[in-house]
N, C-alpha and C. Protein backbone atom coordinates (compact mmCIF):
# COMPACT_ATOMS: atom_id res chain seq x y z
N MET A 1 -4.50 30.74 -15.15
CA MET A 1 -3.70 30.84 -16.37
C MET A 1 -2.22 30.82 -16.05
N ALA A 2 -1.79 29.86 -15.26
CA ALA A 2 -0.39 29.79 -14.85
C ALA A 2 0.55 29.63 -16.04
N ASN A 3 0.09 29.04 -17.12
CA ASN A 3 0.94 28.84 -18.28
C ASN A 3 0.57 29.78 -19.42
N ALA A 4 0.16 30.98 -19.10
CA ALA A 4 -0.21 31.95 -20.13
C ALA A 4 0.97 32.21 -21.06
N ARG A 5 0.64 32.49 -22.30
CA ARG A 5 1.68 32.86 -23.27
C ARG A 5 2.29 34.18 -22.80
N PRO A 6 3.60 34.23 -22.66
CA PRO A 6 4.20 35.47 -22.16
C PRO A 6 4.13 36.60 -23.18
N GLU A 7 3.91 37.79 -22.64
CA GLU A 7 4.00 39.01 -23.45
C GLU A 7 5.25 39.78 -23.07
N VAL A 8 5.73 39.54 -21.85
CA VAL A 8 7.02 40.07 -21.40
C VAL A 8 7.75 38.93 -20.72
N ILE A 9 9.00 38.75 -21.12
CA ILE A 9 9.85 37.73 -20.52
C ILE A 9 10.93 38.44 -19.72
N VAL A 10 11.07 38.06 -18.46
CA VAL A 10 12.15 38.54 -17.61
C VAL A 10 13.21 37.45 -17.59
N VAL A 11 14.39 37.76 -18.12
CA VAL A 11 15.51 36.82 -18.11
C VAL A 11 16.32 37.14 -16.86
N MET A 12 16.31 36.22 -15.90
CA MET A 12 16.93 36.48 -14.60
C MET A 12 18.09 35.54 -14.31
N GLY A 13 18.91 35.95 -13.36
CA GLY A 13 20.03 35.15 -12.87
C GLY A 13 21.07 36.04 -12.24
N VAL A 14 22.06 35.42 -11.66
CA VAL A 14 23.13 36.19 -11.04
C VAL A 14 23.95 36.91 -12.10
N SER A 15 24.70 37.89 -11.69
CA SER A 15 25.58 38.60 -12.61
C SER A 15 26.55 37.60 -13.22
N GLY A 16 26.76 37.72 -14.52
CA GLY A 16 27.67 36.83 -15.22
C GLY A 16 27.01 35.58 -15.78
N SER A 17 25.70 35.41 -15.55
CA SER A 17 25.02 34.22 -16.05
C SER A 17 24.64 34.34 -17.53
N GLY A 18 24.78 35.54 -18.09
CA GLY A 18 24.50 35.73 -19.51
C GLY A 18 23.17 36.41 -19.80
N LYS A 19 22.60 37.07 -18.81
CA LYS A 19 21.27 37.68 -18.98
C LYS A 19 21.20 38.62 -20.16
N THR A 20 22.16 39.50 -20.30
CA THR A 20 22.11 40.49 -21.38
C THR A 20 22.23 39.81 -22.75
N THR A 21 23.24 39.00 -22.91
CA THR A 21 23.45 38.34 -24.20
C THR A 21 22.27 37.46 -24.57
N VAL A 22 21.82 36.65 -23.63
CA VAL A 22 20.70 35.74 -23.90
C VAL A 22 19.41 36.53 -24.10
N GLY A 23 19.18 37.53 -23.27
CA GLY A 23 17.98 38.35 -23.43
C GLY A 23 17.91 39.02 -24.79
N GLU A 24 19.04 39.56 -25.24
CA GLU A 24 19.10 40.17 -26.57
C GLU A 24 18.78 39.15 -27.65
N ARG A 25 19.32 37.95 -27.51
CA ARG A 25 19.10 36.90 -28.52
C ARG A 25 17.64 36.45 -28.53
N VAL A 26 17.03 36.33 -27.35
CA VAL A 26 15.61 35.96 -27.29
C VAL A 26 14.77 37.03 -27.99
N ALA A 27 15.06 38.29 -27.69
CA ALA A 27 14.31 39.38 -28.33
C ALA A 27 14.48 39.36 -29.85
N GLU A 28 15.71 39.10 -30.31
CA GLU A 28 15.96 39.00 -31.75
C GLU A 28 15.17 37.86 -32.38
N LEU A 29 15.19 36.70 -31.74
CA LEU A 29 14.48 35.54 -32.27
C LEU A 29 12.98 35.80 -32.39
N LEU A 30 12.44 36.54 -31.42
CA LEU A 30 11.00 36.78 -31.39
C LEU A 30 10.59 38.08 -32.10
N GLY A 31 11.55 38.95 -32.39
CA GLY A 31 11.22 40.25 -32.96
C GLY A 31 10.57 41.17 -31.94
N TRP A 32 10.93 40.99 -30.67
CA TRP A 32 10.37 41.78 -29.58
C TRP A 32 11.36 42.86 -29.15
N GLU A 33 10.85 43.87 -28.44
CA GLU A 33 11.73 44.91 -27.88
C GLU A 33 12.53 44.33 -26.73
N TYR A 34 13.72 44.89 -26.52
CA TYR A 34 14.60 44.43 -25.47
C TYR A 34 15.05 45.59 -24.60
N ALA A 35 15.18 45.32 -23.30
CA ALA A 35 15.75 46.29 -22.36
C ALA A 35 16.67 45.55 -21.40
N ASP A 36 17.78 46.18 -21.08
CA ASP A 36 18.71 45.64 -20.09
C ASP A 36 18.48 46.39 -18.78
N ALA A 37 18.25 45.66 -17.72
CA ALA A 37 17.96 46.28 -16.43
C ALA A 37 19.06 47.22 -15.97
N ASP A 38 20.30 46.97 -16.40
CA ASP A 38 21.39 47.86 -15.99
C ASP A 38 21.11 49.30 -16.40
N ALA A 39 20.38 49.49 -17.49
CA ALA A 39 20.08 50.85 -17.97
C ALA A 39 19.12 51.58 -17.03
N PHE A 40 18.48 50.87 -16.13
CA PHE A 40 17.51 51.48 -15.21
C PHE A 40 18.14 51.88 -13.88
N HIS A 41 19.40 51.50 -13.66
CA HIS A 41 20.06 51.84 -12.40
C HIS A 41 20.33 53.34 -12.30
N PRO A 42 20.05 53.94 -11.15
CA PRO A 42 20.49 55.32 -10.94
C PRO A 42 22.02 55.35 -10.82
N PRO A 43 22.64 56.48 -11.15
CA PRO A 43 24.11 56.57 -11.08
C PRO A 43 24.70 56.14 -9.74
N ALA A 44 24.01 56.41 -8.65
CA ALA A 44 24.54 56.04 -7.33
C ALA A 44 24.70 54.53 -7.20
N ASN A 45 23.79 53.77 -7.78
CA ASN A 45 23.90 52.30 -7.72
C ASN A 45 25.12 51.82 -8.50
N ILE A 46 25.32 52.38 -9.67
CA ILE A 46 26.46 51.99 -10.50
C ILE A 46 27.77 52.33 -9.80
N GLU A 47 27.82 53.52 -9.20
CA GLU A 47 29.03 53.92 -8.46
C GLU A 47 29.30 52.97 -7.30
N LYS A 48 28.24 52.59 -6.60
CA LYS A 48 28.39 51.70 -5.44
C LYS A 48 28.93 50.33 -5.89
N MET A 49 28.35 49.77 -6.96
CA MET A 49 28.81 48.47 -7.44
C MET A 49 30.21 48.55 -8.02
N ALA A 50 30.52 49.63 -8.72
CA ALA A 50 31.86 49.79 -9.31
C ALA A 50 32.92 49.88 -8.22
N ALA A 51 32.52 50.37 -7.04
CA ALA A 51 33.44 50.46 -5.91
C ALA A 51 33.54 49.14 -5.16
N GLY A 52 32.81 48.11 -5.64
CA GLY A 52 32.90 46.79 -5.03
C GLY A 52 31.93 46.55 -3.90
N HIS A 53 30.89 47.39 -3.78
CA HIS A 53 29.92 47.24 -2.70
C HIS A 53 28.60 46.71 -3.26
N PRO A 54 28.09 45.63 -2.70
CA PRO A 54 26.81 45.12 -3.18
C PRO A 54 25.66 46.05 -2.82
N LEU A 55 24.63 46.03 -3.65
CA LEU A 55 23.44 46.82 -3.38
C LEU A 55 22.62 46.17 -2.28
N ASN A 56 21.88 46.99 -1.55
CA ASN A 56 20.94 46.45 -0.57
C ASN A 56 19.52 46.66 -1.12
N ASP A 57 18.54 46.20 -0.38
CA ASP A 57 17.16 46.28 -0.86
C ASP A 57 16.71 47.73 -1.09
N ALA A 58 17.16 48.64 -0.23
CA ALA A 58 16.79 50.05 -0.40
C ALA A 58 17.36 50.61 -1.71
N ASP A 59 18.58 50.20 -2.06
CA ASP A 59 19.18 50.62 -3.33
C ASP A 59 18.39 50.07 -4.51
N ARG A 60 17.94 48.84 -4.38
CA ARG A 60 17.31 48.15 -5.50
C ARG A 60 15.87 48.59 -5.76
N LEU A 61 15.16 49.08 -4.75
CA LEU A 61 13.73 49.36 -4.91
C LEU A 61 13.42 50.35 -6.03
N PRO A 62 14.05 51.52 -6.12
CA PRO A 62 13.72 52.44 -7.23
C PRO A 62 14.06 51.83 -8.60
N TRP A 63 15.13 51.05 -8.64
CA TRP A 63 15.54 50.37 -9.86
C TRP A 63 14.48 49.36 -10.30
N LEU A 64 14.03 48.54 -9.35
CA LEU A 64 13.00 47.55 -9.66
C LEU A 64 11.69 48.21 -10.07
N ARG A 65 11.34 49.30 -9.42
CA ARG A 65 10.10 50.01 -9.80
C ARG A 65 10.20 50.56 -11.22
N ALA A 66 11.37 51.03 -11.61
CA ALA A 66 11.55 51.54 -12.98
C ALA A 66 11.39 50.40 -13.99
N ILE A 67 11.93 49.25 -13.70
CA ILE A 67 11.79 48.09 -14.59
C ILE A 67 10.33 47.65 -14.64
N ALA A 68 9.67 47.62 -13.48
CA ALA A 68 8.25 47.25 -13.44
C ALA A 68 7.43 48.23 -14.28
N GLY A 69 7.81 49.51 -14.27
CA GLY A 69 7.13 50.50 -15.11
C GLY A 69 7.30 50.19 -16.59
N TRP A 70 8.51 49.79 -16.98
CA TRP A 70 8.76 49.41 -18.38
C TRP A 70 7.87 48.23 -18.76
N ILE A 71 7.79 47.24 -17.87
CA ILE A 71 6.95 46.07 -18.12
C ILE A 71 5.49 46.49 -18.26
N SER A 72 5.01 47.31 -17.34
CA SER A 72 3.62 47.77 -17.41
C SER A 72 3.33 48.53 -18.69
N ASP A 73 4.25 49.40 -19.08
CA ASP A 73 4.07 50.16 -20.33
C ASP A 73 3.94 49.21 -21.52
N HIS A 74 4.76 48.16 -21.54
CA HIS A 74 4.70 47.21 -22.65
C HIS A 74 3.40 46.41 -22.64
N LEU A 75 2.96 46.00 -21.47
CA LEU A 75 1.70 45.28 -21.38
C LEU A 75 0.53 46.18 -21.78
N ASP A 76 0.54 47.41 -21.29
CA ASP A 76 -0.55 48.35 -21.59
C ASP A 76 -0.65 48.66 -23.08
N SER A 77 0.50 48.72 -23.74
CA SER A 77 0.51 49.07 -25.16
C SER A 77 0.41 47.84 -26.07
N GLY A 78 0.45 46.65 -25.47
CA GLY A 78 0.40 45.42 -26.26
C GLY A 78 1.68 45.17 -27.04
N THR A 79 2.78 45.75 -26.56
CA THR A 79 4.09 45.58 -27.20
C THR A 79 4.88 44.54 -26.43
N PRO A 80 5.10 43.35 -27.01
CA PRO A 80 5.85 42.33 -26.27
C PRO A 80 7.30 42.75 -26.07
N GLY A 81 7.89 42.28 -24.99
CA GLY A 81 9.26 42.66 -24.70
C GLY A 81 10.00 41.64 -23.86
N VAL A 82 11.30 41.80 -23.85
CA VAL A 82 12.20 40.98 -23.06
C VAL A 82 13.06 41.94 -22.24
N VAL A 83 13.17 41.68 -20.96
CA VAL A 83 14.04 42.49 -20.11
C VAL A 83 14.92 41.55 -19.30
N SER A 84 16.22 41.85 -19.26
CA SER A 84 17.12 41.08 -18.42
C SER A 84 17.26 41.81 -17.09
N CYS A 85 17.15 41.04 -16.02
CA CYS A 85 17.21 41.62 -14.67
C CYS A 85 17.61 40.51 -13.71
N SER A 86 18.49 40.79 -12.80
CA SER A 86 18.93 39.76 -11.86
C SER A 86 17.74 39.16 -11.11
N ALA A 87 16.80 39.99 -10.63
CA ALA A 87 15.58 39.52 -9.96
C ALA A 87 15.89 38.38 -8.99
N LEU A 88 16.89 38.59 -8.15
CA LEU A 88 17.42 37.52 -7.31
C LEU A 88 16.45 37.00 -6.26
N LYS A 89 15.59 37.85 -5.76
CA LYS A 89 14.69 37.45 -4.68
C LYS A 89 13.25 37.35 -5.18
N ARG A 90 12.50 36.48 -4.53
CA ARG A 90 11.10 36.29 -4.91
C ARG A 90 10.34 37.61 -4.87
N ARG A 91 10.54 38.40 -3.84
CA ARG A 91 9.78 39.65 -3.74
C ARG A 91 10.12 40.60 -4.88
N TYR A 92 11.33 40.52 -5.42
CA TYR A 92 11.68 41.34 -6.58
C TYR A 92 10.88 40.88 -7.80
N ARG A 93 10.82 39.56 -7.98
CA ARG A 93 10.07 39.02 -9.13
C ARG A 93 8.58 39.34 -8.99
N GLU A 94 8.08 39.31 -7.76
CA GLU A 94 6.67 39.65 -7.54
C GLU A 94 6.41 41.11 -7.89
N LEU A 95 7.34 41.99 -7.53
CA LEU A 95 7.19 43.40 -7.88
C LEU A 95 7.20 43.58 -9.40
N LEU A 96 8.08 42.87 -10.09
CA LEU A 96 8.18 42.99 -11.54
C LEU A 96 6.96 42.42 -12.25
N ALA A 97 6.51 41.26 -11.84
CA ALA A 97 5.40 40.60 -12.52
C ALA A 97 4.05 41.13 -12.07
N GLY A 98 3.97 41.57 -10.84
CA GLY A 98 2.72 42.14 -10.35
C GLY A 98 1.53 41.19 -10.44
N GLY A 99 1.79 39.88 -10.34
CA GLY A 99 0.70 38.91 -10.40
C GLY A 99 0.11 38.73 -11.79
N ARG A 100 0.75 39.30 -12.80
CA ARG A 100 0.23 39.21 -14.17
C ARG A 100 0.80 37.96 -14.85
N PRO A 101 -0.07 37.03 -15.26
CA PRO A 101 0.41 35.78 -15.85
C PRO A 101 1.11 35.98 -17.19
N GLU A 102 0.91 37.10 -17.82
CA GLU A 102 1.57 37.34 -19.11
C GLU A 102 3.03 37.79 -18.96
N VAL A 103 3.48 37.95 -17.71
CA VAL A 103 4.89 38.22 -17.42
C VAL A 103 5.49 36.91 -16.92
N ARG A 104 6.44 36.39 -17.65
CA ARG A 104 7.05 35.10 -17.31
C ARG A 104 8.54 35.28 -17.08
N VAL A 105 9.08 34.41 -16.25
CA VAL A 105 10.48 34.47 -15.86
C VAL A 105 11.23 33.28 -16.44
N ALA A 106 12.38 33.56 -17.04
CA ALA A 106 13.32 32.53 -17.48
C ALA A 106 14.55 32.67 -16.59
N TYR A 107 14.81 31.65 -15.78
CA TYR A 107 15.92 31.67 -14.83
C TYR A 107 17.14 30.99 -15.45
N LEU A 108 18.20 31.77 -15.65
CA LEU A 108 19.46 31.24 -16.18
C LEU A 108 20.22 30.60 -15.03
N GLU A 109 20.24 29.29 -15.04
CA GLU A 109 20.79 28.52 -13.93
C GLU A 109 22.19 28.02 -14.28
N GLY A 110 23.15 28.33 -13.41
CA GLY A 110 24.51 27.89 -13.66
C GLY A 110 25.31 27.74 -12.38
N GLU A 111 26.35 26.95 -12.46
CA GLU A 111 27.24 26.72 -11.33
C GLU A 111 28.11 27.95 -11.09
N ARG A 112 28.43 28.20 -9.83
CA ARG A 112 29.23 29.36 -9.46
C ARG A 112 30.57 29.40 -10.19
N ASP A 113 31.26 28.26 -10.28
CA ASP A 113 32.59 28.24 -10.90
C ASP A 113 32.52 28.61 -12.38
N LEU A 114 31.51 28.12 -13.10
CA LEU A 114 31.35 28.47 -14.51
C LEU A 114 31.10 29.97 -14.66
N ILE A 115 30.23 30.51 -13.83
CA ILE A 115 29.91 31.94 -13.91
C ILE A 115 31.12 32.78 -13.54
N ALA A 116 31.85 32.38 -12.51
CA ALA A 116 33.05 33.13 -12.09
C ALA A 116 34.07 33.16 -13.22
N SER A 117 34.25 32.03 -13.92
CA SER A 117 35.22 32.01 -15.02
C SER A 117 34.79 32.95 -16.14
N ARG A 118 33.49 33.01 -16.40
CA ARG A 118 32.98 33.93 -17.43
C ARG A 118 33.18 35.39 -17.01
N MET A 119 32.96 35.65 -15.73
CA MET A 119 33.10 37.03 -15.24
C MET A 119 34.54 37.50 -15.33
N ARG A 120 35.49 36.61 -15.08
CA ARG A 120 36.90 37.00 -15.15
C ARG A 120 37.28 37.43 -16.57
N GLU A 121 36.56 36.91 -17.57
CA GLU A 121 36.84 37.24 -18.97
C GLU A 121 36.14 38.51 -19.44
N ARG A 122 35.18 39.01 -18.67
CA ARG A 122 34.42 40.20 -19.06
C ARG A 122 35.26 41.46 -18.91
N ARG A 123 35.08 42.37 -19.83
CA ARG A 123 35.79 43.65 -19.78
C ARG A 123 34.77 44.78 -19.90
N GLY A 124 35.03 45.86 -19.17
CA GLY A 124 34.23 47.07 -19.31
C GLY A 124 32.87 47.02 -18.64
N HIS A 125 32.67 46.13 -17.68
CA HIS A 125 31.39 46.07 -16.97
C HIS A 125 31.63 46.54 -15.55
N PHE A 126 30.65 47.30 -15.00
CA PHE A 126 30.84 47.89 -13.67
C PHE A 126 30.79 46.87 -12.55
N PHE A 127 30.18 45.71 -12.76
CA PHE A 127 30.04 44.72 -11.70
C PHE A 127 31.35 43.96 -11.55
N GLN A 128 31.85 43.91 -10.34
CA GLN A 128 33.13 43.25 -10.10
C GLN A 128 32.93 41.78 -9.74
N ALA A 129 33.77 40.94 -10.29
CA ALA A 129 33.65 39.50 -10.09
C ALA A 129 33.68 39.11 -8.61
N GLU A 130 34.36 39.88 -7.79
CA GLU A 130 34.45 39.58 -6.36
C GLU A 130 33.09 39.64 -5.68
N MET A 131 32.13 40.31 -6.31
CA MET A 131 30.81 40.46 -5.71
C MET A 131 29.89 39.28 -6.03
N LEU A 132 30.37 38.32 -6.79
CA LEU A 132 29.54 37.19 -7.19
C LEU A 132 29.01 36.41 -5.98
N ASP A 133 29.82 36.27 -4.95
CA ASP A 133 29.36 35.54 -3.77
C ASP A 133 28.14 36.20 -3.15
N SER A 134 28.09 37.54 -3.15
CA SER A 134 26.92 38.22 -2.59
C SER A 134 25.68 37.94 -3.44
N GLN A 135 25.86 37.79 -4.74
CA GLN A 135 24.73 37.46 -5.61
C GLN A 135 24.18 36.07 -5.26
N PHE A 136 25.07 35.11 -5.10
CA PHE A 136 24.61 33.76 -4.75
C PHE A 136 24.00 33.71 -3.35
N ARG A 137 24.50 34.54 -2.43
CA ARG A 137 23.90 34.60 -1.09
C ARG A 137 22.47 35.13 -1.17
N ASP A 138 22.25 36.13 -2.02
CA ASP A 138 20.92 36.74 -2.14
C ASP A 138 19.96 35.93 -3.00
N LEU A 139 20.48 35.05 -3.84
CA LEU A 139 19.66 34.32 -4.80
C LEU A 139 18.63 33.42 -4.12
N GLU A 140 17.38 33.63 -4.49
CA GLU A 140 16.28 32.74 -4.12
C GLU A 140 15.75 32.19 -5.44
N PRO A 141 16.22 31.00 -5.84
CA PRO A 141 15.74 30.46 -7.12
C PRO A 141 14.21 30.40 -7.12
N PRO A 142 13.61 30.59 -8.29
CA PRO A 142 12.14 30.57 -8.35
C PRO A 142 11.56 29.27 -7.80
N ALA A 143 10.51 29.42 -7.01
CA ALA A 143 9.80 28.26 -6.45
C ALA A 143 8.84 27.71 -7.50
N PRO A 144 8.42 26.45 -7.33
CA PRO A 144 7.50 25.86 -8.31
C PRO A 144 6.24 26.69 -8.57
N ASP A 145 5.71 27.34 -7.55
CA ASP A 145 4.48 28.12 -7.76
C ASP A 145 4.71 29.40 -8.55
N GLU A 146 5.98 29.77 -8.81
CA GLU A 146 6.26 30.94 -9.64
C GLU A 146 6.20 30.61 -11.13
N ASN A 147 6.16 29.33 -11.46
CA ASN A 147 6.02 28.89 -12.84
C ASN A 147 7.11 29.46 -13.75
N ALA A 148 8.32 29.52 -13.22
CA ALA A 148 9.45 30.02 -14.00
C ALA A 148 10.03 28.90 -14.85
N LEU A 149 10.67 29.28 -15.91
CA LEU A 149 11.36 28.34 -16.78
C LEU A 149 12.82 28.30 -16.35
N TYR A 150 13.30 27.14 -15.91
CA TYR A 150 14.70 26.97 -15.54
C TYR A 150 15.47 26.63 -16.81
N VAL A 151 16.53 27.38 -17.10
CA VAL A 151 17.29 27.19 -18.32
C VAL A 151 18.78 27.06 -17.96
N PRO A 152 19.39 25.92 -18.28
CA PRO A 152 20.82 25.77 -17.99
C PRO A 152 21.65 26.65 -18.92
N ILE A 153 22.76 27.14 -18.40
CA ILE A 153 23.61 28.04 -19.20
C ILE A 153 24.86 27.32 -19.71
N THR A 154 24.80 26.02 -19.81
CA THR A 154 25.97 25.26 -20.25
C THR A 154 26.20 25.33 -21.75
N GLY A 155 25.20 25.70 -22.52
CA GLY A 155 25.36 25.81 -23.97
C GLY A 155 25.78 27.21 -24.37
N THR A 156 25.76 27.46 -25.67
CA THR A 156 26.08 28.79 -26.18
C THR A 156 24.90 29.73 -25.88
N PRO A 157 25.12 31.04 -25.95
CA PRO A 157 24.01 31.97 -25.78
C PRO A 157 22.86 31.70 -26.76
N ASP A 158 23.19 31.36 -28.00
CA ASP A 158 22.14 31.06 -28.98
C ASP A 158 21.34 29.84 -28.56
N GLU A 159 22.02 28.81 -28.09
CA GLU A 159 21.32 27.60 -27.64
C GLU A 159 20.43 27.90 -26.44
N THR A 160 20.94 28.70 -25.53
CA THR A 160 20.17 29.06 -24.34
C THR A 160 18.94 29.86 -24.73
N ALA A 161 19.10 30.82 -25.65
CA ALA A 161 17.96 31.61 -26.12
C ALA A 161 16.91 30.72 -26.78
N GLU A 162 17.37 29.77 -27.57
CA GLU A 162 16.43 28.85 -28.22
C GLU A 162 15.67 28.01 -27.21
N LEU A 163 16.33 27.60 -26.12
CA LEU A 163 15.65 26.86 -25.06
C LEU A 163 14.53 27.70 -24.45
N ILE A 164 14.77 28.98 -24.28
CA ILE A 164 13.75 29.86 -23.73
C ILE A 164 12.56 29.98 -24.67
N VAL A 165 12.83 30.23 -25.94
CA VAL A 165 11.76 30.37 -26.92
C VAL A 165 10.94 29.08 -27.00
N LYS A 166 11.61 27.95 -27.04
CA LYS A 166 10.91 26.66 -27.09
C LYS A 166 10.20 26.38 -25.78
N GLY A 167 10.84 26.70 -24.65
CA GLY A 167 10.26 26.44 -23.35
C GLY A 167 8.97 27.20 -23.10
N PHE A 168 8.87 28.38 -23.69
CA PHE A 168 7.64 29.17 -23.58
C PHE A 168 6.71 28.94 -24.78
N ASP A 169 7.06 27.96 -25.62
CA ASP A 169 6.26 27.59 -26.79
C ASP A 169 5.99 28.79 -27.69
N LEU A 170 7.07 29.52 -28.00
CA LEU A 170 6.96 30.71 -28.84
C LEU A 170 7.59 30.52 -30.20
N SER A 171 8.10 29.31 -30.49
CA SER A 171 8.77 29.09 -31.78
C SER A 171 7.77 28.73 -32.86
């Protein structure tokens, strides 16, 4: 069932790719619950990123487990949901999806320069634009066997959200 209808969509990409905005719009279009992965970070992670230091795998593990718990709760209760999460590495996506075909990934794909320009315009976010290079270094785009939906971020957030809904045949 590689193309199972998603019950939880993980909107992934590097910081500044529009995960939160697009994820919220997808949830609105579908009438599904939404969660932003940033809300699952322990305070120490936020402090570390705000100080300009990238997270390592040990920092990310409790955060990813908390998001995976949210996904499991939604699947167990039959409540569809959308969660935005960087999910930069394959092993992170595997932890989140847990081999469940009803968890699908939408990868927000964009050029570094476009994302950097968007990040420079952001205000009030703990992630510093200077850390974008570390995100691209860590990024392992989904492989074909992950059955992720690649979505370009060149359009508006509404257009990108619509591509996700149509791409997963949910419209």
